[in-house]
Amino acid sequence: MMEMSNVKTIKQETEPGTSNGGESGVALPDFGLEVGKVHVIVENQTFKGSDAAWHGRLIDGWYDLEKNDTMMTSILKALQLKGCHWSTGSQGNASSWDDYGISYLASIKLSENTKETVVIL
């Protein structure tokens, strides 16, 4: 019998920012039981030119930390919940978009909805 702690509430099933994948609409990968929370901040304060896809603070919030999460998977889940895509390659030359097995992050692609939520610092 399934433990009740593993059953999603209606709120978790319907609200962006929960384990349903948020704005992406794609279910988050399962990295084990939740063991706590992690504070994730993603911002671009380096590349500010007119060619920059975005500049400022994209993510600043608390996210579920699961038993088998790494620093990278925590960041990638936050990006997915925000509706972003990521890669190890440059924009347009991605090696593989939205791969949770990457060890470094080279490119973040924002959705139209996401672009409106970037906070310029």
N, C-alpha and C. Protein backbone atom coordinates (compact mmCIF):
# COMPACT_ATOMS: atom_id res chain seq x y z
N MET A 1 0.83 -1.18 0.00
CA MET A 1 0.00 0.00 0.00
C MET A 1 0.88 1.25 0.00
N MET A 2 0.52 2.24 -0.80
CA MET A 2 1.30 3.47 -0.91
C MET A 2 1.18 4.30 0.36
N GLU A 3 2.31 4.83 0.81
CA GLU A 3 2.27 5.72 1.97
C GLU A 3 1.56 7.01 1.59
N MET A 4 0.78 7.54 2.50
CA MET A 4 0.03 8.77 2.23
C MET A 4 0.96 9.94 1.95
N SER A 5 2.18 9.92 2.49
CA SER A 5 3.11 11.03 2.24
C SER A 5 3.52 11.10 0.77
N ASN A 6 3.36 10.01 0.02
CA ASN A 6 3.71 9.99 -1.39
C ASN A 6 2.55 10.38 -2.29
N VAL A 7 1.36 10.54 -1.73
CA VAL A 7 0.19 10.91 -2.51
C VAL A 7 0.12 12.43 -2.62
N LYS A 8 0.03 12.94 -3.86
CA LYS A 8 -0.02 14.39 -4.06
C LYS A 8 -1.39 14.93 -3.68
N THR A 9 -1.37 16.13 -3.11
CA THR A 9 -2.62 16.83 -2.81
C THR A 9 -3.13 17.49 -4.08
N ILE A 10 -4.37 17.92 -4.07
CA ILE A 10 -4.93 18.64 -5.22
C ILE A 10 -4.10 19.90 -5.47
N LYS A 11 -3.69 20.58 -4.42
CA LYS A 11 -2.88 21.78 -4.56
C LYS A 11 -1.57 21.46 -5.28
N GLN A 12 -0.89 20.35 -4.89
CA GLN A 12 0.36 19.97 -5.53
C GLN A 12 0.15 19.61 -7.00
N GLU A 13 -0.98 19.04 -7.32
CA GLU A 13 -1.26 18.62 -8.69
C GLU A 13 -1.57 19.79 -9.61
N THR A 14 -2.06 20.90 -9.07
CA THR A 14 -2.57 21.97 -9.92
C THR A 14 -1.76 23.24 -9.90
N GLU A 15 -1.00 23.52 -8.87
CA GLU A 15 -0.31 24.80 -8.77
C GLU A 15 1.09 24.74 -9.38
N PRO A 16 1.48 25.78 -10.17
CA PRO A 16 2.85 25.85 -10.63
C PRO A 16 3.79 25.94 -9.43
N GLY A 17 4.99 25.41 -9.60
CA GLY A 17 5.96 25.47 -8.52
C GLY A 17 5.91 24.26 -7.61
N THR A 18 5.11 23.28 -7.93
CA THR A 18 5.07 22.06 -7.15
C THR A 18 5.66 20.93 -7.97
N SER A 19 5.62 19.72 -7.48
CA SER A 19 6.31 18.60 -8.12
C SER A 19 5.71 18.21 -9.46
N ASN A 20 4.65 18.90 -9.93
CA ASN A 20 4.08 18.57 -11.23
C ASN A 20 4.89 19.13 -12.39
N GLY A 21 5.95 19.84 -12.13
CA GLY A 21 6.78 20.39 -13.19
C GLY A 21 6.56 21.87 -13.41
N GLY A 22 5.68 22.48 -12.63
CA GLY A 22 5.48 23.93 -12.70
C GLY A 22 5.08 24.38 -14.09
N GLU A 23 5.67 25.47 -14.55
CA GLU A 23 5.33 26.05 -15.84
C GLU A 23 5.69 25.14 -17.00
N SER A 24 6.65 24.22 -16.81
CA SER A 24 7.06 23.34 -17.91
C SER A 24 5.98 22.32 -18.24
N GLY A 25 5.18 21.94 -17.25
CA GLY A 25 4.15 20.94 -17.46
C GLY A 25 4.69 19.53 -17.57
N VAL A 26 6.00 19.36 -17.43
CA VAL A 26 6.63 18.04 -17.48
C VAL A 26 6.96 17.62 -16.05
N ALA A 27 6.60 16.39 -15.70
CA ALA A 27 6.84 15.93 -14.33
C ALA A 27 8.32 15.99 -13.98
N LEU A 28 8.60 16.40 -12.76
CA LEU A 28 9.98 16.42 -12.27
C LEU A 28 10.49 15.00 -12.09
N PRO A 29 11.80 14.79 -12.29
CA PRO A 29 12.34 13.46 -12.03
C PRO A 29 12.29 13.15 -10.53
N ASP A 30 12.26 11.88 -10.22
CA ASP A 30 12.21 11.43 -8.83
C ASP A 30 13.62 11.15 -8.33
N PHE A 31 14.09 11.95 -7.38
CA PHE A 31 15.41 11.75 -6.79
C PHE A 31 15.30 11.24 -5.36
N GLY A 32 14.22 10.57 -5.03
CA GLY A 32 14.06 9.96 -3.72
C GLY A 32 13.14 10.75 -2.81
N LEU A 33 13.12 10.33 -1.57
CA LEU A 33 12.27 10.97 -0.57
C LEU A 33 12.76 12.38 -0.26
N GLU A 34 11.82 13.28 0.00
CA GLU A 34 12.18 14.63 0.38
C GLU A 34 12.85 14.61 1.75
N VAL A 35 14.01 15.27 1.83
CA VAL A 35 14.77 15.30 3.09
C VAL A 35 14.89 16.72 3.65
N GLY A 36 14.39 17.70 2.91
CA GLY A 36 14.47 19.07 3.39
C GLY A 36 14.19 20.05 2.27
N LYS A 37 14.65 21.27 2.45
CA LYS A 37 14.49 22.34 1.47
C LYS A 37 15.86 22.91 1.15
N VAL A 38 15.99 23.47 -0.04
CA VAL A 38 17.23 24.12 -0.46
C VAL A 38 16.87 25.47 -1.07
N HIS A 39 17.67 26.49 -0.77
CA HIS A 39 17.45 27.82 -1.32
C HIS A 39 18.27 27.94 -2.60
N VAL A 40 17.60 28.20 -3.72
CA VAL A 40 18.26 28.29 -5.02
C VAL A 40 18.11 29.71 -5.55
N ILE A 41 19.24 30.28 -5.97
CA ILE A 41 19.26 31.58 -6.64
C ILE A 41 19.97 31.38 -7.97
N VAL A 42 19.35 31.81 -9.06
CA VAL A 42 19.97 31.79 -10.38
C VAL A 42 19.91 33.21 -10.91
N GLU A 43 21.08 33.77 -11.20
CA GLU A 43 21.10 35.13 -11.73
C GLU A 43 22.25 35.29 -12.70
N ASN A 44 22.13 36.24 -13.59
CA ASN A 44 23.17 36.59 -14.54
C ASN A 44 23.57 38.03 -14.26
N GLN A 45 24.74 38.19 -13.69
CA GLN A 45 25.29 39.52 -13.43
C GLN A 45 26.54 39.76 -14.27
N THR A 46 26.85 38.81 -15.16
CA THR A 46 28.09 38.87 -15.93
C THR A 46 27.86 39.34 -17.36
N PHE A 47 27.03 38.62 -18.09
CA PHE A 47 26.80 38.91 -19.50
C PHE A 47 25.63 39.87 -19.63
N LYS A 48 25.94 41.16 -19.83
CA LYS A 48 24.92 42.19 -19.82
C LYS A 48 24.69 42.82 -21.18
N GLY A 49 25.39 42.38 -22.20
CA GLY A 49 25.30 43.02 -23.50
C GLY A 49 23.94 42.88 -24.16
N SER A 50 23.80 43.54 -25.28
CA SER A 50 22.53 43.48 -26.01
C SER A 50 22.25 42.08 -26.54
N ASP A 51 23.28 41.26 -26.63
CA ASP A 51 23.11 39.87 -27.08
C ASP A 51 22.67 38.94 -25.95
N ALA A 52 22.63 39.44 -24.73
CA ALA A 52 22.24 38.59 -23.59
C ALA A 52 20.77 38.22 -23.69
N ALA A 53 20.47 36.94 -23.50
CA ALA A 53 19.08 36.48 -23.53
C ALA A 53 18.31 37.05 -22.34
N TRP A 54 19.03 37.24 -21.22
CA TRP A 54 18.42 37.81 -20.03
C TRP A 54 19.53 38.29 -19.11
N HIS A 55 19.16 39.18 -18.20
CA HIS A 55 20.11 39.72 -17.22
C HIS A 55 19.34 39.98 -15.94
N GLY A 56 19.94 39.66 -14.81
CA GLY A 56 19.29 39.89 -13.53
C GLY A 56 19.02 38.57 -12.81
N ARG A 57 18.09 38.60 -11.87
CA ARG A 57 17.77 37.43 -11.06
C ARG A 57 16.57 36.71 -11.65
N LEU A 58 16.79 35.46 -12.02
CA LEU A 58 15.75 34.63 -12.63
C LEU A 58 15.01 33.82 -11.58
N ILE A 59 15.75 33.27 -10.61
CA ILE A 59 15.16 32.39 -9.60
C ILE A 59 15.70 32.79 -8.23
N ASP A 60 14.81 32.83 -7.25
CA ASP A 60 15.19 33.07 -5.86
C ASP A 60 14.09 32.46 -5.00
N GLY A 61 14.30 31.23 -4.55
CA GLY A 61 13.26 30.58 -3.76
C GLY A 61 13.72 29.29 -3.12
N TRP A 62 12.84 28.73 -2.32
CA TRP A 62 13.07 27.48 -1.61
C TRP A 62 12.43 26.33 -2.39
N TYR A 63 13.18 25.24 -2.54
CA TYR A 63 12.73 24.08 -3.31
C TYR A 63 12.95 22.80 -2.51
N ASP A 64 12.15 21.78 -2.85
CA ASP A 64 12.30 20.48 -2.19
C ASP A 64 13.69 19.91 -2.47
N LEU A 65 14.32 19.37 -1.45
CA LEU A 65 15.59 18.67 -1.57
C LEU A 65 15.31 17.20 -1.34
N GLU A 66 15.63 16.38 -2.33
CA GLU A 66 15.39 14.95 -2.22
C GLU A 66 16.70 14.22 -1.95
N LYS A 67 16.59 13.01 -1.42
CA LYS A 67 17.73 12.23 -0.93
C LYS A 67 18.87 12.14 -1.94
N ASN A 68 18.57 11.95 -3.22
CA ASN A 68 19.61 11.74 -4.23
C ASN A 68 19.87 12.98 -5.09
N ASP A 69 19.39 14.14 -4.66
CA ASP A 69 19.67 15.38 -5.39
C ASP A 69 21.13 15.76 -5.24
N THR A 70 21.62 16.46 -6.25
CA THR A 70 22.93 17.10 -6.19
C THR A 70 22.69 18.61 -6.29
N MET A 71 23.76 19.38 -6.17
CA MET A 71 23.61 20.81 -6.35
C MET A 71 23.03 21.09 -7.74
N MET A 72 23.53 20.39 -8.76
CA MET A 72 23.08 20.63 -10.12
C MET A 72 21.62 20.23 -10.31
N THR A 73 21.20 19.07 -9.81
CA THR A 73 19.80 18.67 -10.01
C THR A 73 18.84 19.62 -9.30
N SER A 74 19.26 20.17 -8.17
CA SER A 74 18.42 21.16 -7.47
C SER A 74 18.23 22.40 -8.33
N ILE A 75 19.29 22.86 -8.96
CA ILE A 75 19.21 24.03 -9.83
C ILE A 75 18.36 23.71 -11.06
N LEU A 76 18.56 22.55 -11.65
CA LEU A 76 17.83 22.18 -12.86
C LEU A 76 16.33 22.03 -12.58
N LYS A 77 15.98 21.48 -11.43
CA LYS A 77 14.56 21.37 -11.08
C LYS A 77 13.94 22.76 -10.92
N ALA A 78 14.68 23.69 -10.31
CA ALA A 78 14.18 25.06 -10.17
C ALA A 78 13.99 25.70 -11.54
N LEU A 79 14.91 25.46 -12.46
CA LEU A 79 14.77 25.98 -13.82
C LEU A 79 13.55 25.37 -14.51
N GLN A 80 13.37 24.07 -14.36
CA GLN A 80 12.22 23.42 -14.99
C GLN A 80 10.91 23.98 -14.45
N LEU A 81 10.83 24.15 -13.13
CA LEU A 81 9.62 24.69 -12.53
C LEU A 81 9.33 26.11 -13.03
N LYS A 82 10.37 26.84 -13.39
CA LYS A 82 10.23 28.20 -13.90
C LYS A 82 9.84 28.21 -15.38
N GLY A 83 9.92 27.04 -16.04
CA GLY A 83 9.57 26.96 -17.45
C GLY A 83 10.77 27.16 -18.37
N CYS A 84 11.98 27.06 -17.83
CA CYS A 84 13.19 27.26 -18.62
C CYS A 84 13.70 25.94 -19.19
N HIS A 85 14.60 26.06 -20.17
CA HIS A 85 15.31 24.92 -20.74
C HIS A 85 16.79 25.19 -20.57
N TRP A 86 17.62 24.15 -20.53
CA TRP A 86 19.05 24.32 -20.29
C TRP A 86 19.85 23.36 -21.15
N SER A 87 21.15 23.67 -21.27
CA SER A 87 22.04 22.86 -22.08
C SER A 87 23.49 23.07 -21.67
N THR A 88 24.34 22.19 -22.17
CA THR A 88 25.78 22.35 -21.98
C THR A 88 26.41 23.07 -23.16
N GLY A 89 25.61 23.41 -24.18
CA GLY A 89 26.10 24.13 -25.35
C GLY A 89 25.55 25.53 -25.40
N SER A 90 26.03 26.31 -26.35
CA SER A 90 25.56 27.69 -26.49
C SER A 90 24.16 27.70 -27.08
N GLN A 91 23.46 28.83 -26.98
CA GLN A 91 22.11 28.96 -27.52
C GLN A 91 22.11 28.54 -28.98
N GLY A 92 21.23 27.63 -29.34
CA GLY A 92 21.11 27.17 -30.72
C GLY A 92 22.05 26.04 -31.07
N ASN A 93 23.10 25.83 -30.28
CA ASN A 93 24.05 24.74 -30.54
C ASN A 93 24.08 23.80 -29.35
N ALA A 94 22.95 23.50 -28.81
CA ALA A 94 22.87 22.71 -27.59
C ALA A 94 23.29 21.27 -27.84
N SER A 95 24.05 20.75 -26.89
CA SER A 95 24.44 19.34 -26.97
C SER A 95 23.23 18.46 -26.66
N SER A 96 22.44 18.87 -25.72
CA SER A 96 21.23 18.13 -25.35
C SER A 96 20.43 19.02 -24.40
N TRP A 97 19.24 19.38 -24.81
CA TRP A 97 18.42 20.24 -23.97
C TRP A 97 17.78 19.45 -22.84
N ASP A 98 17.70 20.07 -21.66
CA ASP A 98 16.96 19.56 -20.51
C ASP A 98 17.45 18.20 -20.01
N ASP A 99 18.76 18.01 -20.02
CA ASP A 99 19.38 16.77 -19.57
C ASP A 99 19.77 16.91 -18.10
N TYR A 100 19.19 16.08 -17.24
CA TYR A 100 19.51 16.13 -15.81
C TYR A 100 20.86 15.50 -15.48
N GLY A 101 21.52 14.90 -16.46
CA GLY A 101 22.81 14.26 -16.22
C GLY A 101 24.01 15.15 -16.48
N ILE A 102 23.78 16.44 -16.76
CA ILE A 102 24.90 17.32 -17.08
C ILE A 102 25.70 17.68 -15.82
N SER A 103 26.97 18.03 -16.03
CA SER A 103 27.82 18.42 -14.90
C SER A 103 28.14 19.91 -14.91
N TYR A 104 27.81 20.60 -15.99
CA TYR A 104 27.95 22.05 -16.02
C TYR A 104 26.82 22.64 -16.86
N LEU A 105 26.56 23.91 -16.67
CA LEU A 105 25.45 24.59 -17.32
C LEU A 105 26.01 25.72 -18.17
N ALA A 106 25.77 25.65 -19.48
CA ALA A 106 26.30 26.67 -20.37
C ALA A 106 25.23 27.61 -20.89
N SER A 107 24.00 27.12 -20.97
CA SER A 107 22.97 27.90 -21.63
C SER A 107 21.62 27.69 -20.96
N ILE A 108 20.88 28.78 -20.76
CA ILE A 108 19.52 28.73 -20.24
C ILE A 108 18.62 29.45 -21.23
N LYS A 109 17.58 28.77 -21.67
CA LYS A 109 16.61 29.37 -22.59
C LYS A 109 15.34 29.67 -21.80
N LEU A 110 14.88 30.91 -21.87
CA LEU A 110 13.68 31.33 -21.16
C LEU A 110 12.46 31.25 -22.06
N SER A 111 11.32 30.91 -21.47
CA SER A 111 10.06 30.97 -22.21
C SER A 111 9.60 32.42 -22.24
N GLU A 112 8.63 32.73 -23.06
CA GLU A 112 8.10 34.10 -23.11
C GLU A 112 7.55 34.53 -21.75
N ASN A 113 6.86 33.61 -21.04
CA ASN A 113 6.32 33.92 -19.71
C ASN A 113 7.43 34.19 -18.72
N THR A 114 8.53 33.46 -18.84
CA THR A 114 9.64 33.59 -17.90
C THR A 114 10.35 34.92 -18.07
N LYS A 115 10.49 35.39 -19.30
CA LYS A 115 11.21 36.64 -19.55
C LYS A 115 10.61 37.80 -18.79
N GLU A 116 9.32 37.75 -18.57
CA GLU A 116 8.63 38.83 -17.86
C GLU A 116 8.88 38.81 -16.35
N THR A 117 9.45 37.72 -15.83
CA THR A 117 9.63 37.60 -14.39
C THR A 117 11.07 37.81 -13.92
N VAL A 118 12.00 38.09 -14.84
CA VAL A 118 13.39 38.32 -14.46
C VAL A 118 13.48 39.65 -13.73
N VAL A 119 14.12 39.65 -12.56
CA VAL A 119 14.27 40.86 -11.76
C VAL A 119 15.65 41.46 -12.06
N ILE A 120 15.68 42.68 -12.56
CA ILE A 120 16.94 43.36 -12.85
C ILE A 120 17.46 43.97 -11.55
N LEU A 121 18.68 43.59 -11.19
CA LEU A 121 19.28 44.07 -9.95
C LEU A 121 20.20 45.24 -10.21
